[in-house]
Amino acid sequence: MKMWNRSFSLFGLIALISSLQIGQSAMAADACIYTNGAITNTANCDTQPDQYTMTVYRVGVCTSRPGTPATGRPADLSMCSIVFENSTGSKVTITDGVGSALSGTFSRPPNGTYTHAYVVIAPQIQIRTQHTFNRTLQAFSSGSGTGTKCWTKDKTVYVDGNDYESSFACGDSVAGLGTFTNKLNSMGGIANYGEEVSNTLAVYLTQLDLSLGTGSATNSMGTIAYLFGISSLSSSATITNNSSSLDVGFKTKTACALGITNNNINEISETAFDIAIRVY
């Protein structure tokens, strides 16, 4: 049996939680289109942020879909094996498609075929980004400017709190570029702790024991401690005695949502990130 190479490589940005802000903005969007370096879309689109930051606590692989968490009932992970863990969280920043290394304990899963993965991260995401457009856009919030460039500002916003309009600005040159922090106290609306995003993806806001959160309110997290995501793998990963390494990466190629309506922009926020696992 080959020595297990405990490398977690954040190749080109891969991970798990598609549409963390789904429900808040309900912006299922196509990829942004660029012409000569400028975005030409006249409707909502997704693109890669300059910088995307999350805190990762655990990543696991599973031989079948994990059990769904509920109020007072933790997620069933009996079919899963942990491949990465850091009890205090490992901060990962992905800049222009290149991610920083995870710091924590890496473990070899038992031999077998794995069809699903899960991730446990902090219930907040940060992006820092600027984008250029092929025309002048009007920022939604009064006083946030107009111009061919729009960027994030230093601002913390709760999903159930909804002050996104003041988290970005527009102008003909970038001034006051900052980091936008989205605190996930709901998956949209009031006290919504779970979201079946698609047939292959589900995300939940949970307590420390991975049961559903409770007690969140406007600008308050309640008992929410984690964002817990489950995804089926696009192709199964098989671990054998000949397997020497496992790569897990977080990709954010379309992880910045731009809320565009014609010549107006009403949102710049984080969105989709997917998980990829490769066995060597």
Foldseek 3Di string as FASTA:
>chain_A
DAAADLFAAAAQFFAAAFFLQCQLVVDPADAFDDDPQATEDQFKHFFFFQKKKWWFAWKKFFQDFWAAFAAVRAIHQVRIDTAFGDRVTFMWMAGPRHIDGGDGDGDDDDFDKTFKMKTKIFQKMKTFHKHFHPDKAAQPDPPQEIARMKTFAPDEAESQQDPQSPGMHDDNDDDHGDMYMYGYLASHDAQHFKDPPDPFKIKGFPAPRRHHADDAHHVGNHRGGIIMMMGTAPDMEGDDPPWHYKYKHKHCRRQWMWGHHRRYTHHTDGGTIHIDMYID
